[in-house]
């Protein structure tokens, strides 16, 4: 994953469903096939919304991880490649 360079980075921290997925959808629409969108989120619902979004629309979920921010708060990190 270290060699993947995202075309677009989305900071959806603090936003609640459905905003993170709506922002991802807009970013995917504007990108070219094969582009990678990186998403940072704090909403737990993204852990099932983003994988379902990818599965239903034919995009590849390259990375889905849960991590801690600088303050020790839980956040989610995704890499989505446009199909």
PDB file of N, CA and C in Angstrom:
ATOM      1  N   UNK A   1       0.811  -1.201   0.000  1.00  0.00           N
ATOM      2  CA  UNK A   1       0.000   0.000   0.000  1.00  0.00           C
ATOM      3  C   UNK A   1       0.853   1.263   0.000  1.00  0.00           C
ATOM      4  N   UNK A   2       2.122   1.126   0.367  1.00  0.00           N
ATOM      5  CA  UNK A   2       2.990   2.289   0.473  1.00  0.00           C
ATOM      6  C   UNK A   2       3.236   2.951  -0.886  1.00  0.00           C
ATOM      7  N   UNK A   3       3.113   2.192  -1.980  1.00  0.00           N
ATOM      8  CA  UNK A   3       3.394   2.756  -3.299  1.00  0.00           C
ATOM      9  C   UNK A   3       2.153   3.370  -3.963  1.00  0.00           C
ATOM     10  N   UNK A   4       1.007   3.312  -3.300  1.00  0.00           N
ATOM     11  CA  UNK A   4      -0.223   3.896  -3.847  1.00  0.00           C
ATOM     12  C   UNK A   4      -0.275   5.390  -3.516  1.00  0.00           C
ATOM     13  N   UNK A   5      -0.441   6.189  -4.560  1.00  0.00           N
ATOM     14  CA  UNK A   5      -0.556   7.637  -4.380  1.00  0.00           C
ATOM     15  C   UNK A   5      -1.990   8.044  -4.705  1.00  0.00           C
ATOM     16  N   UNK A   6      -2.749   8.479  -3.695  1.00  0.00           N
ATOM     17  CA  UNK A   6      -4.138   8.872  -3.944  1.00  0.00           C
ATOM     18  C   UNK A   6      -4.226  10.107  -4.843  1.00  0.00           C
ATOM     19  N   UNK A   7      -5.222  10.098  -5.723  1.00  0.00           N
ATOM     20  CA  UNK A   7      -5.494  11.254  -6.580  1.00  0.00           C
ATOM     21  C   UNK A   7      -6.244  12.322  -5.798  1.00  0.00           C
ATOM     22  N   UNK A   8      -7.093  11.877  -4.876  1.00  0.00           N
ATOM     23  CA  UNK A   8      -7.930  12.777  -4.081  1.00  0.00           C
ATOM     24  C   UNK A   8      -7.881  12.308  -2.636  1.00  0.00           C
ATOM     25  N   UNK A   9      -7.814  13.255  -1.713  1.00  0.00           N
ATOM     26  CA  UNK A   9      -7.859  12.938  -0.282  1.00  0.00           C
ATOM     27  C   UNK A   9      -9.076  13.642   0.313  1.00  0.00           C
ATOM     28  N   UNK A  10      -9.922  12.860   1.003  1.00  0.00           N
ATOM     29  CA  UNK A  10     -11.119  13.415   1.630  1.00  0.00           C
ATOM     30  C   UNK A  10     -10.996  13.360   3.144  1.00  0.00           C
ATOM     31  N   UNK A  11     -11.180  14.481   3.785  1.00  0.00           N
ATOM     32  CA  UNK A  11     -11.211  14.543   5.240  1.00  0.00           C
ATOM     33  C   UNK A  11     -12.683  14.668   5.646  1.00  0.00           C
ATOM     34  N   UNK A  12     -13.276  13.545   6.048  1.00  0.00           N
ATOM     35  CA  UNK A  12     -14.676  13.565   6.467  1.00  0.00           C
ATOM     36  C   UNK A  12     -14.787  13.418   7.983  1.00  0.00           C
ATOM     37  N   UNK A  13     -13.702  13.695   8.689  1.00  0.00           N
ATOM     38  CA  UNK A  13     -13.712  13.604  10.154  1.00  0.00           C
ATOM     39  C   UNK A  13     -14.782  14.541  10.720  1.00  0.00           C
ATOM     40  N   UNK A  14     -15.574  14.024  11.659  1.00  0.00           N
ATOM     41  CA  UNK A  14     -16.609  14.825  12.284  1.00  0.00           C
ATOM     42  C   UNK A  14     -17.931  14.827  11.539  1.00  0.00           C
ATOM     43  N   UNK A  15     -17.953  14.321  10.323  1.00  0.00           N
ATOM     44  CA  UNK A  15     -19.191  14.265   9.545  1.00  0.00           C
ATOM     45  C   UNK A  15     -19.916  12.952   9.818  1.00  0.00           C
ATOM     46  N   UNK A  16     -21.233  12.991   9.787  1.00  0.00           N
ATOM     47  CA  UNK A  16     -22.061  11.816  10.060  1.00  0.00           C
ATOM     48  C   UNK A  16     -22.719  11.326   8.776  1.00  0.00           C
ATOM     49  N   UNK A  17     -23.131  10.076   8.810  1.00  0.00           N
ATOM     50  CA  UNK A  17     -23.843   9.446   7.711  1.00  0.00           C
ATOM     51  C   UNK A  17     -25.028  10.327   7.314  1.00  0.00           C
ATOM     52  N   UNK A  18     -25.212  10.569   6.048  1.00  0.00           N
ATOM     53  CA  UNK A  18     -24.591   9.975   4.872  1.00  0.00           C
ATOM     54  C   UNK A  18     -23.477  10.821   4.245  1.00  0.00           C
ATOM     55  N   UNK A  19     -23.053  11.899   4.914  1.00  0.00           N
ATOM     56  CA  UNK A  19     -22.100  12.839   4.299  1.00  0.00           C
ATOM     57  C   UNK A  19     -20.784  12.208   3.820  1.00  0.00           C
ATOM     58  N   UNK A  20     -20.115  11.348   4.613  1.00  0.00           N
ATOM     59  CA  UNK A  20     -18.856  10.778   4.106  1.00  0.00           C
ATOM     60  C   UNK A  20     -19.019  10.007   2.788  1.00  0.00           C
ATOM     61  N   UNK A  21     -20.074   9.202   2.686  1.00  0.00           N
ATOM     62  CA  UNK A  21     -20.287   8.423   1.462  1.00  0.00           C
ATOM     63  C   UNK A  21     -20.710   9.341   0.311  1.00  0.00           C
ATOM     64  N   UNK A  22     -21.478  10.371   0.604  1.00  0.00           N
ATOM     65  CA  UNK A  22     -21.861  11.320  -0.447  1.00  0.00           C
ATOM     66  C   UNK A  22     -20.626  12.038  -0.994  1.00  0.00           C
ATOM     67  N   UNK A  23     -19.711  12.420  -0.106  1.00  0.00           N
ATOM     68  CA  UNK A  23     -18.478  13.080  -0.554  1.00  0.00           C
ATOM     69  C   UNK A  23     -17.616  12.122  -1.370  1.00  0.00           C
ATOM     70  N   UNK A  24     -17.544  10.852  -0.942  1.00  0.00           N
ATOM     71  CA  UNK A  24     -16.801   9.849  -1.708  1.00  0.00           C
ATOM     72  C   UNK A  24     -17.428   9.673  -3.081  1.00  0.00           C
ATOM     73  N   UNK A  25     -18.740   9.615  -3.133  1.00  0.00           N
ATOM     74  CA  UNK A  25     -19.438   9.443  -4.405  1.00  0.00           C
ATOM     75  C   UNK A  25     -19.122  10.596  -5.362  1.00  0.00           C
ATOM     76  N   UNK A  26     -19.126  11.822  -4.864  1.00  0.00           N
ATOM     77  CA  UNK A  26     -18.787  12.990  -5.700  1.00  0.00           C
ATOM     78  C   UNK A  26     -17.340  12.912  -6.186  1.00  0.00           C
ATOM     79  N   UNK A  27     -16.428  12.519  -5.295  1.00  0.00           N
ATOM     80  CA  UNK A  27     -15.010  12.425  -5.668  1.00  0.00           C
ATOM     81  C   UNK A  27     -14.794  11.355  -6.731  1.00  0.00           C
ATOM     82  N   UNK A  28     -15.474  10.220  -6.583  1.00  0.00           N
ATOM     83  CA  UNK A  28     -15.355   9.134  -7.558  1.00  0.00           C
ATOM     84  C   UNK A  28     -15.898   9.591  -8.919  1.00  0.00           C
ATOM     85  N   UNK A  29     -17.016  10.303  -8.903  1.00  0.00           N
ATOM     86  CA  UNK A  29     -17.603  10.785 -10.153  1.00  0.00           C
ATOM     87  C   UNK A  29     -16.641  11.699 -10.912  1.00  0.00           C
ATOM     88  N   UNK A  30     -15.898  12.520 -10.195  1.00  0.00           N
ATOM     89  CA  UNK A  30     -14.989  13.487 -10.813  1.00  0.00           C
ATOM     90  C   UNK A  30     -13.662  12.861 -11.243  1.00  0.00           C
ATOM     91  N   UNK A  31     -13.353  11.663 -10.751  1.00  0.00           N
ATOM     92  CA  UNK A  31     -12.063  11.049 -11.043  1.00  0.00           C
ATOM     93  C   UNK A  31     -12.133  10.135 -12.269  1.00  0.00           C
ATOM     94  N   UNK A  32     -10.955   9.706 -12.721  1.00  0.00           N
ATOM     95  CA  UNK A  32     -10.853   8.815 -13.873  1.00  0.00           C
ATOM     96  C   UNK A  32     -10.772   7.371 -13.385  1.00  0.00           C
ATOM     97  N   UNK A  33     -11.087   6.439 -14.257  1.00  0.00           N
ATOM     98  CA  UNK A  33     -10.983   5.025 -13.935  1.00  0.00           C
ATOM     99  C   UNK A  33      -9.556   4.707 -13.487  1.00  0.00           C
ATOM    100  N   UNK A  34      -9.424   4.007 -12.374  1.00  0.00           N
ATOM    101  CA  UNK A  34      -8.112   3.655 -11.838  1.00  0.00           C
ATOM    102  C   UNK A  34      -7.590   4.624 -10.792  1.00  0.00           C
ATOM    103  N   UNK A  35      -8.179   5.825 -10.708  1.00  0.00           N
ATOM    104  CA  UNK A  35      -7.769   6.790  -9.687  1.00  0.00           C
ATOM    105  C   UNK A  35      -8.096   6.253  -8.295  1.00  0.00           C
ATOM    106  N   UNK A  36      -7.313   6.677  -7.315  1.00  0.00           N
ATOM    107  CA  UNK A  36      -7.515   6.246  -5.937  1.00  0.00           C
ATOM    108  C   UNK A  36      -7.932   7.444  -5.080  1.00  0.00           C
ATOM    109  N   UNK A  37      -8.990   7.236  -4.306  1.00  0.00           N
ATOM    110  CA  UNK A  37      -9.480   8.248  -3.377  1.00  0.00           C
ATOM    111  C   UNK A  37      -9.173   7.765  -1.966  1.00  0.00           C
ATOM    112  N   UNK A  38      -8.542   8.633  -1.184  1.00  0.00           N
ATOM    113  CA  UNK A  38      -8.227   8.332   0.215  1.00  0.00           C
ATOM    114  C   UNK A  38      -9.253   9.048   1.091  1.00  0.00           C
ATOM    115  N   UNK A  39      -9.800   8.310   2.066  1.00  0.00           N
ATOM    116  CA  UNK A  39     -10.832   8.867   2.940  1.00  0.00           C
ATOM    117  C   UNK A  39     -10.414   8.681   4.392  1.00  0.00           C
ATOM    118  N   UNK A  40     -10.531   9.763   5.170  1.00  0.00           N
ATOM    119  CA  UNK A  40     -10.353   9.712   6.626  1.00  0.00           C
ATOM    120  C   UNK A  40     -11.705  10.044   7.239  1.00  0.00           C
ATOM    121  N   UNK A  41     -12.175   9.221   8.176  1.00  0.00           N
ATOM    122  CA  UNK A  41     -13.505   9.405   8.751  1.00  0.00           C
ATOM    123  C   UNK A  41     -13.496   9.064  10.237  1.00  0.00           C
ATOM    124  N   UNK A  42     -14.491   9.601  10.945  1.00  0.00           N
ATOM    125  CA  UNK A  42     -14.659   9.273  12.359  1.00  0.00           C
ATOM    126  C   UNK A  42     -16.001   8.595  12.620  1.00  0.00           C
ATOM    127  N   UNK A  43     -16.869   8.555  11.643  1.00  0.00           N
ATOM    128  CA  UNK A  43     -18.197   7.956  11.803  1.00  0.00           C
ATOM    129  C   UNK A  43     -18.097   6.437  11.664  1.00  0.00           C
ATOM    130  N   UNK A  44     -18.538   5.715  12.693  1.00  0.00           N
ATOM    131  CA  UNK A  44     -18.507   4.249  12.673  1.00  0.00           C
ATOM    132  C   UNK A  44     -19.250   3.658  11.482  1.00  0.00           C
ATOM    133  N   UNK A  45     -20.297   4.323  11.029  1.00  0.00           N
ATOM    134  CA  UNK A  45     -21.101   3.760   9.939  1.00  0.00           C
ATOM    135  C   UNK A  45     -20.315   3.645   8.633  1.00  0.00           C
ATOM    136  N   UNK A  46     -19.216   4.384   8.495  1.00  0.00           N
ATOM    137  CA  UNK A  46     -18.414   4.250   7.271  1.00  0.00           C
ATOM    138  C   UNK A  46     -17.808   2.855   7.161  1.00  0.00           C
ATOM    139  N   UNK A  47     -17.643   2.151   8.291  1.00  0.00           N
ATOM    140  CA  UNK A  47     -17.026   0.823   8.252  1.00  0.00           C
ATOM    141  C   UNK A  47     -17.887  -0.191   7.492  1.00  0.00           C
ATOM    142  N   UNK A  48     -19.178   0.076   7.344  1.00  0.00           N
ATOM    143  CA  UNK A  48     -20.008  -0.792   6.495  1.00  0.00           C
ATOM    144  C   UNK A  48     -20.527  -0.043   5.277  1.00  0.00           C
ATOM    145  N   UNK A  49     -20.699   1.278   5.367  1.00  0.00           N
ATOM    146  CA  UNK A  49     -21.209   2.043   4.223  1.00  0.00           C
ATOM    147  C   UNK A  49     -20.228   2.080   3.057  1.00  0.00           C
ATOM    148  N   UNK A  50     -18.955   2.317   3.337  1.00  0.00           N
ATOM    149  CA  UNK A  50     -17.973   2.433   2.251  1.00  0.00           C
ATOM    150  C   UNK A  50     -17.737   1.090   1.561  1.00  0.00           C
ATOM    151  N   UNK A  51     -17.572  -0.023   2.286  1.00  0.00           N
ATOM    152  CA  UNK A  51     -17.458  -1.310   1.581  1.00  0.00           C
ATOM    153  C   UNK A  51     -18.686  -1.641   0.720  1.00  0.00           C
ATOM    154  N   UNK A  52     -19.894  -1.341   1.221  1.00  0.00           N
ATOM    155  CA  UNK A  52     -21.111  -1.592   0.436  1.00  0.00           C
ATOM    156  C   UNK A  52     -21.153  -0.696  -0.795  1.00  0.00           C
ATOM    157  N   UNK A  53     -20.762   0.564  -0.636  1.00  0.00           N
ATOM    158  CA  UNK A  53     -20.691   1.497  -1.753  1.00  0.00           C
ATOM    159  C   UNK A  53     -19.795   0.920  -2.851  1.00  0.00           C
ATOM    160  N   UNK A  54     -18.621   0.441  -2.464  1.00  0.00           N
ATOM    161  CA  UNK A  54     -17.669  -0.122  -3.436  1.00  0.00           C
ATOM    162  C   UNK A  54     -18.245  -1.358  -4.122  1.00  0.00           C
ATOM    163  N   UNK A  55     -18.823  -2.260  -3.339  1.00  0.00           N
ATOM    164  CA  UNK A  55     -19.352  -3.504  -3.875  1.00  0.00           C
ATOM    165  C   UNK A  55     -20.481  -3.237  -4.877  1.00  0.00           C
ATOM    166  N   UNK A  56     -21.392  -2.349  -4.531  1.00  0.00           N
ATOM    167  CA  UNK A  56     -22.554  -2.101  -5.388  1.00  0.00           C
ATOM    168  C   UNK A  56     -22.225  -1.301  -6.641  1.00  0.00           C
ATOM    169  N   UNK A  57     -21.200  -0.460  -6.576  1.00  0.00           N
ATOM    170  CA  UNK A  57     -20.883   0.398  -7.727  1.00  0.00           C
ATOM    171  C   UNK A  57     -19.645  -0.044  -8.500  1.00  0.00           C
ATOM    172  N   UNK A  58     -19.040  -1.165  -8.104  1.00  0.00           N
ATOM    173  CA  UNK A  58     -17.938  -1.726  -8.872  1.00  0.00           C
ATOM    174  C   UNK A  58     -16.587  -1.066  -8.658  1.00  0.00           C
ATOM    175  N   UNK A  59     -16.364  -0.489  -7.499  1.00  0.00           N
ATOM    176  CA  UNK A  59     -15.075   0.098  -7.176  1.00  0.00           C
ATOM    177  C   UNK A  59     -14.328  -0.857  -6.251  1.00  0.00           C
ATOM    178  N   UNK A  60     -13.006  -0.739  -6.199  1.00  0.00           N
ATOM    179  CA  UNK A  60     -12.207  -1.647  -5.380  1.00  0.00           C
ATOM    180  C   UNK A  60     -11.794  -0.972  -4.072  1.00  0.00           C
ATOM    181  N   UNK A  61     -12.102  -1.627  -2.977  1.00  0.00           N
ATOM    182  CA  UNK A  61     -11.677  -1.155  -1.658  1.00  0.00           C
ATOM    183  C   UNK A  61     -10.282  -1.716  -1.415  1.00  0.00           C
ATOM    184  N   UNK A  62      -9.273  -0.876  -1.593  1.00  0.00           N
ATOM    185  CA  UNK A  62      -7.883  -1.312  -1.465  1.00  0.00           C
ATOM    186  C   UNK A  62      -7.441  -1.405  -0.016  1.00  0.00           C
ATOM    187  N   UNK A  63      -7.998  -0.547   0.837  1.00  0.00           N
ATOM    188  CA  UNK A  63      -7.595  -0.502   2.241  1.00  0.00           C
ATOM    189  C   UNK A  63      -8.770  -0.062   3.094  1.00  0.00           C
ATOM    190  N   UNK A  64      -8.941  -0.766   4.192  1.00  0.00           N
ATOM    191  CA  UNK A  64      -9.917  -0.366   5.210  1.00  0.00           C
ATOM    192  C   UNK A  64      -9.243  -0.651   6.542  1.00  0.00           C
ATOM    193  N   UNK A  65      -8.968   0.408   7.306  1.00  0.00           N
ATOM    194  CA  UNK A  65      -8.327   0.199   8.596  1.00  0.00           C
ATOM    195  C   UNK A  65      -8.871   1.163   9.636  1.00  0.00           C
ATOM    196  N   UNK A  66      -8.801   0.720  10.864  1.00  0.00           N
ATOM    197  CA  UNK A  66      -9.188   1.530  12.012  1.00  0.00           C
ATOM    198  C   UNK A  66      -7.891   1.917  12.709  1.00  0.00           C
ATOM    199  N   UNK A  67      -7.740   3.188  13.032  1.00  0.00           N
ATOM    200  CA  UNK A  67      -6.505   3.648  13.665  1.00  0.00           C
ATOM    201  C   UNK A  67      -6.840   4.747  14.678  1.00  0.00           C
ATOM    202  N   UNK A  68      -5.802   5.298  15.287  1.00  0.00           N
ATOM    203  CA  UNK A  68      -5.968   6.387  16.256  1.00  0.00           C
ATOM    204  C   UNK A  68      -5.353   7.655  15.693  1.00  0.00           C
ATOM    205  N   UNK A  69      -6.032   8.786  15.908  1.00  0.00           N
ATOM    206  CA  UNK A  69      -5.470  10.067  15.494  1.00  0.00           C
ATOM    207  C   UNK A  69      -4.450  10.541  16.530  1.00  0.00           C
ATOM    208  N   UNK A  70      -3.928  11.747  16.359  1.00  0.00           N
ATOM    209  CA  UNK A  70      -2.882  12.277  17.245  1.00  0.00           C
ATOM    210  C   UNK A  70      -3.353  12.407  18.696  1.00  0.00           C
ATOM    211  N   UNK A  71      -4.672  12.580  18.887  1.00  0.00           N
ATOM    212  CA  UNK A  71      -5.216  12.725  20.239  1.00  0.00           C
ATOM    213  C   UNK A  71      -5.661  11.389  20.836  1.00  0.00           C
ATOM    214  N   UNK A  72      -5.473  10.307  20.101  1.00  0.00           N
ATOM    215  CA  UNK A  72      -5.869   8.990  20.586  1.00  0.00           C
ATOM    216  C   UNK A  72      -7.319   8.630  20.313  1.00  0.00           C
ATOM    217  N   UNK A  73      -7.992   9.405  19.464  1.00  0.00           N
ATOM    218  CA  UNK A  73      -9.380   9.116  19.098  1.00  0.00           C
ATOM    219  C   UNK A  73      -9.428   8.157  17.913  1.00  0.00           C
ATOM    220  N   UNK A  74     -10.420   7.265  17.919  1.00  0.00           N
ATOM    221  CA  UNK A  74     -10.578   6.290  16.841  1.00  0.00           C
ATOM    222  C   UNK A  74     -10.994   6.988  15.560  1.00  0.00           C
ATOM    223  N   UNK A  75     -10.363   6.579  14.454  1.00  0.00           N
ATOM    224  CA  UNK A  75     -10.778   7.039  13.144  1.00  0.00           C
ATOM    225  C   UNK A  75     -10.591   5.917  12.136  1.00  0.00           C
ATOM    226  N   UNK A  76     -11.149   6.117  10.972  1.00  0.00           N
ATOM    227  CA  UNK A  76     -11.128   5.114   9.917  1.00  0.00           C
ATOM    228  C   UNK A  76     -10.393   5.668   8.701  1.00  0.00           C
ATOM    229  N   UNK A  77      -9.694   4.787   8.008  1.00  0.00           N
ATOM    230  CA  UNK A  77      -8.886   5.163   6.853  1.00  0.00           C
ATOM    231  C   UNK A  77      -9.221   4.196   5.719  1.00  0.00           C
ATOM    232  N   UNK A  78      -9.501   4.744   4.541  1.00  0.00           N
ATOM    233  CA  UNK A  78      -9.872   3.932   3.379  1.00  0.00           C
ATOM    234  C   UNK A  78      -9.122   4.393   2.149  1.00  0.00           C
ATOM    235  N   UNK A  79      -8.839   3.439   1.260  1.00  0.00           N
ATOM    236  CA  UNK A  79      -8.362   3.731  -0.075  1.00  0.00           C
ATOM    237  C   UNK A  79      -9.321   3.047  -1.041  1.00  0.00           C
ATOM    238  N   UNK A  80      -9.928   3.822  -1.923  1.00  0.00           N
ATOM    239  CA  UNK A  80     -10.913   3.309  -2.864  1.00  0.00           C
ATOM    240  C   UNK A  80     -10.420   3.611  -4.271  1.00  0.00           C
ATOM    241  N   UNK A  81     -10.349   2.558  -5.101  1.00  0.00           N
ATOM    242  CA  UNK A  81      -9.938   2.736  -6.496  1.00  0.00           C
ATOM    243  C   UNK A  81     -11.165   2.697  -7.392  1.00  0.00           C
ATOM    244  N   UNK A  82     -11.287   3.717  -8.222  1.00  0.00           N
ATOM    245  CA  UNK A  82     -12.433   3.785  -9.130  1.00  0.00           C
ATOM    246  C   UNK A  82     -12.379   2.655 -10.131  1.00  0.00           C
ATOM    247  N   UNK A  83     -13.503   1.962 -10.276  1.00  0.00           N
ATOM    248  CA  UNK A  83     -13.601   0.841 -11.215  1.00  0.00           C
ATOM    249  C   UNK A  83     -13.825   1.298 -12.636  1.00  0.00           C
TER     250      UNK A  83
END
